[in-house]
Amino acid sequence: MHASVGDRLVVEAHTDSQRRREAEVLEVRGQDGGPPYLVRWEDGHESLAFPGPDAHVVPAQS
């Protein structure tokens, strides 16, 4: 996985009772754009994310 500041991290739902989550990448702490990422979730909460196989990155639009 590769991300840049401003990209969106999207975590897909596992079940019908869960919902898809999205966050803005604020900082890339791994080498060459890799995780972990400091992100801001839709609710404003910031956390360090180590994305799993259910996540993907949507590049920021220029």
N, C-alpha and C. Protein backbone atom coordinates (compact mmCIF):
# COMPACT_ATOMS: atom_id res chain seq x y z
N MET A 1 0.85 -1.17 0.00
CA MET A 1 0.00 0.00 0.00
C MET A 1 0.90 1.23 0.00
N HIS A 2 0.50 2.23 -0.76
CA HIS A 2 1.24 3.47 -0.88
C HIS A 2 0.27 4.63 -0.76
N ALA A 3 0.63 5.64 0.06
CA ALA A 3 -0.23 6.81 0.22
C ALA A 3 0.63 8.06 0.32
N SER A 4 -0.02 9.19 0.06
CA SER A 4 0.59 10.50 0.21
C SER A 4 -0.33 11.37 1.04
N VAL A 5 0.22 12.42 1.62
CA VAL A 5 -0.60 13.35 2.40
C VAL A 5 -1.72 13.89 1.51
N GLY A 6 -2.94 13.88 2.04
CA GLY A 6 -4.11 14.35 1.30
C GLY A 6 -4.91 13.23 0.67
N ASP A 7 -4.34 12.04 0.53
CA ASP A 7 -5.08 10.89 0.00
C ASP A 7 -6.15 10.48 1.01
N ARG A 8 -7.08 9.64 0.56
CA ARG A 8 -8.13 9.10 1.42
C ARG A 8 -7.84 7.63 1.69
N LEU A 9 -7.93 7.23 2.95
CA LEU A 9 -7.84 5.83 3.34
C LEU A 9 -9.26 5.34 3.52
N VAL A 10 -9.63 4.30 2.80
CA VAL A 10 -10.98 3.74 2.85
C VAL A 10 -10.91 2.32 3.40
N VAL A 11 -11.68 2.08 4.46
CA VAL A 11 -11.75 0.76 5.08
C VAL A 11 -13.16 0.24 4.82
N GLU A 12 -13.25 -0.83 4.05
CA GLU A 12 -14.55 -1.41 3.69
C GLU A 12 -15.17 -2.14 4.88
N ALA A 13 -16.50 -2.20 4.90
CA ALA A 13 -17.24 -2.88 5.95
C ALA A 13 -17.09 -4.39 5.80
N HIS A 14 -17.04 -5.08 6.94
CA HIS A 14 -16.95 -6.54 6.94
C HIS A 14 -18.33 -7.20 6.90
N THR A 15 -19.31 -6.54 7.51
CA THR A 15 -20.65 -7.11 7.61
C THR A 15 -21.69 -6.03 7.29
N ASP A 16 -22.93 -6.45 7.19
CA ASP A 16 -24.02 -5.50 6.93
C ASP A 16 -24.24 -4.53 8.08
N SER A 17 -23.85 -4.93 9.29
CA SER A 17 -24.06 -4.07 10.45
C SER A 17 -22.97 -3.01 10.60
N GLN A 18 -21.91 -3.14 9.83
CA GLN A 18 -20.84 -2.15 9.86
C GLN A 18 -20.97 -1.24 8.65
N ARG A 19 -20.25 -0.13 8.69
CA ARG A 19 -20.26 0.77 7.55
C ARG A 19 -18.84 1.05 7.10
N ARG A 20 -18.73 1.44 5.87
CA ARG A 20 -17.45 1.83 5.29
C ARG A 20 -16.93 3.06 6.04
N ARG A 21 -15.63 3.11 6.31
CA ARG A 21 -15.02 4.24 7.00
C ARG A 21 -14.00 4.90 6.09
N GLU A 22 -13.92 6.22 6.17
CA GLU A 22 -12.95 6.96 5.37
C GLU A 22 -12.18 7.92 6.25
N ALA A 23 -10.92 8.14 5.89
CA ALA A 23 -10.07 9.07 6.63
C ALA A 23 -9.15 9.80 5.66
N GLU A 24 -8.74 10.98 6.03
CA GLU A 24 -7.76 11.74 5.26
C GLU A 24 -6.38 11.44 5.81
N VAL A 25 -5.43 11.16 4.93
CA VAL A 25 -4.05 10.91 5.35
C VAL A 25 -3.40 12.26 5.66
N LEU A 26 -2.98 12.41 6.93
CA LEU A 26 -2.35 13.65 7.38
C LEU A 26 -0.83 13.56 7.35
N GLU A 27 -0.33 12.35 7.57
CA GLU A 27 1.11 12.15 7.63
C GLU A 27 1.43 10.70 7.28
N VAL A 28 2.49 10.51 6.51
CA VAL A 28 2.97 9.16 6.16
C VAL A 28 4.21 8.89 7.00
N ARG A 29 4.16 7.86 7.83
CA ARG A 29 5.28 7.59 8.73
C ARG A 29 6.13 6.41 8.28
N GLY A 30 5.66 5.65 7.32
CA GLY A 30 6.42 4.52 6.81
C GLY A 30 7.36 4.95 5.69
N GLN A 31 8.21 4.03 5.28
CA GLN A 31 9.14 4.31 4.20
C GLN A 31 8.43 4.21 2.85
N ASP A 32 8.82 5.07 1.93
CA ASP A 32 8.32 5.04 0.54
C ASP A 32 6.80 5.07 0.45
N GLY A 33 6.14 5.83 1.32
CA GLY A 33 4.69 5.96 1.26
C GLY A 33 3.92 4.86 1.93
N GLY A 34 4.63 3.97 2.61
CA GLY A 34 3.97 2.86 3.29
C GLY A 34 3.45 3.22 4.67
N PRO A 35 2.63 2.36 5.24
CA PRO A 35 2.08 2.60 6.57
C PRO A 35 3.18 2.50 7.63
N PRO A 36 2.91 3.04 8.81
CA PRO A 36 1.63 3.55 9.29
C PRO A 36 1.36 4.97 8.80
N TYR A 37 0.08 5.34 8.87
CA TYR A 37 -0.37 6.67 8.46
C TYR A 37 -1.08 7.34 9.63
N LEU A 38 -0.81 8.63 9.82
CA LEU A 38 -1.60 9.42 10.74
C LEU A 38 -2.79 9.91 9.94
N VAL A 39 -4.00 9.60 10.40
CA VAL A 39 -5.20 9.91 9.64
C VAL A 39 -6.22 10.64 10.50
N ARG A 40 -7.12 11.38 9.83
CA ARG A 40 -8.27 12.01 10.48
C ARG A 40 -9.52 11.37 9.92
N TRP A 41 -10.26 10.68 10.80
CA TRP A 41 -11.48 10.01 10.40
C TRP A 41 -12.60 11.02 10.21
N GLU A 42 -13.68 10.57 9.61
CA GLU A 42 -14.83 11.43 9.30
C GLU A 42 -15.40 12.13 10.52
N ASP A 43 -15.28 11.51 11.69
CA ASP A 43 -15.83 12.11 12.91
C ASP A 43 -14.85 13.10 13.56
N GLY A 44 -13.68 13.33 12.93
CA GLY A 44 -12.70 14.27 13.44
C GLY A 44 -11.62 13.64 14.30
N HIS A 45 -11.80 12.38 14.66
CA HIS A 45 -10.82 11.66 15.48
C HIS A 45 -9.55 11.40 14.67
N GLU A 46 -8.39 11.61 15.26
CA GLU A 46 -7.13 11.32 14.60
C GLU A 46 -6.51 10.09 15.25
N SER A 47 -5.91 9.24 14.41
CA SER A 47 -5.26 8.05 14.94
C SER A 47 -4.16 7.59 13.98
N LEU A 48 -3.33 6.71 14.49
CA LEU A 48 -2.29 6.08 13.68
C LEU A 48 -2.90 4.82 13.08
N ALA A 49 -2.89 4.71 11.76
CA ALA A 49 -3.55 3.59 11.08
C ALA A 49 -2.52 2.64 10.48
N PHE A 50 -2.73 1.36 10.71
CA PHE A 50 -1.97 0.28 10.11
C PHE A 50 -2.97 -0.51 9.26
N PRO A 51 -3.26 -0.08 8.03
CA PRO A 51 -4.34 -0.65 7.23
C PRO A 51 -4.15 -2.15 6.95
N GLY A 52 -5.28 -2.85 6.99
CA GLY A 52 -5.30 -4.28 6.69
C GLY A 52 -5.75 -4.52 5.25
N PRO A 53 -6.03 -5.77 4.92
CA PRO A 53 -6.41 -6.14 3.55
C PRO A 53 -7.76 -5.60 3.11
N ASP A 54 -8.56 -5.11 4.06
CA ASP A 54 -9.88 -4.56 3.73
C ASP A 54 -9.81 -3.07 3.43
N ALA A 55 -8.60 -2.51 3.37
CA ALA A 55 -8.43 -1.07 3.14
C ALA A 55 -7.76 -0.80 1.80
N HIS A 56 -8.05 0.38 1.27
CA HIS A 56 -7.36 0.84 0.05
C HIS A 56 -7.24 2.36 0.09
N VAL A 57 -6.35 2.87 -0.74
CA VAL A 57 -6.08 4.30 -0.77
C VAL A 57 -6.69 4.90 -2.04
N VAL A 58 -7.36 6.03 -1.87
CA VAL A 58 -7.89 6.78 -3.01
C VAL A 58 -7.03 8.04 -3.12
N PRO A 59 -6.31 8.20 -4.23
CA PRO A 59 -5.43 9.37 -4.36
C PRO A 59 -6.23 10.68 -4.34
N ALA A 60 -5.59 11.70 -3.77
CA ALA A 60 -6.21 13.03 -3.75
C ALA A 60 -6.27 13.57 -5.18
N GLN A 61 -7.34 14.29 -5.45
CA GLN A 61 -7.48 14.90 -6.78
C GLN A 61 -6.70 16.20 -6.80
N SER A 62 -5.98 16.42 -7.88
CA SER A 62 -5.15 17.63 -7.99
C SER A 62 -5.97 18.81 -8.39
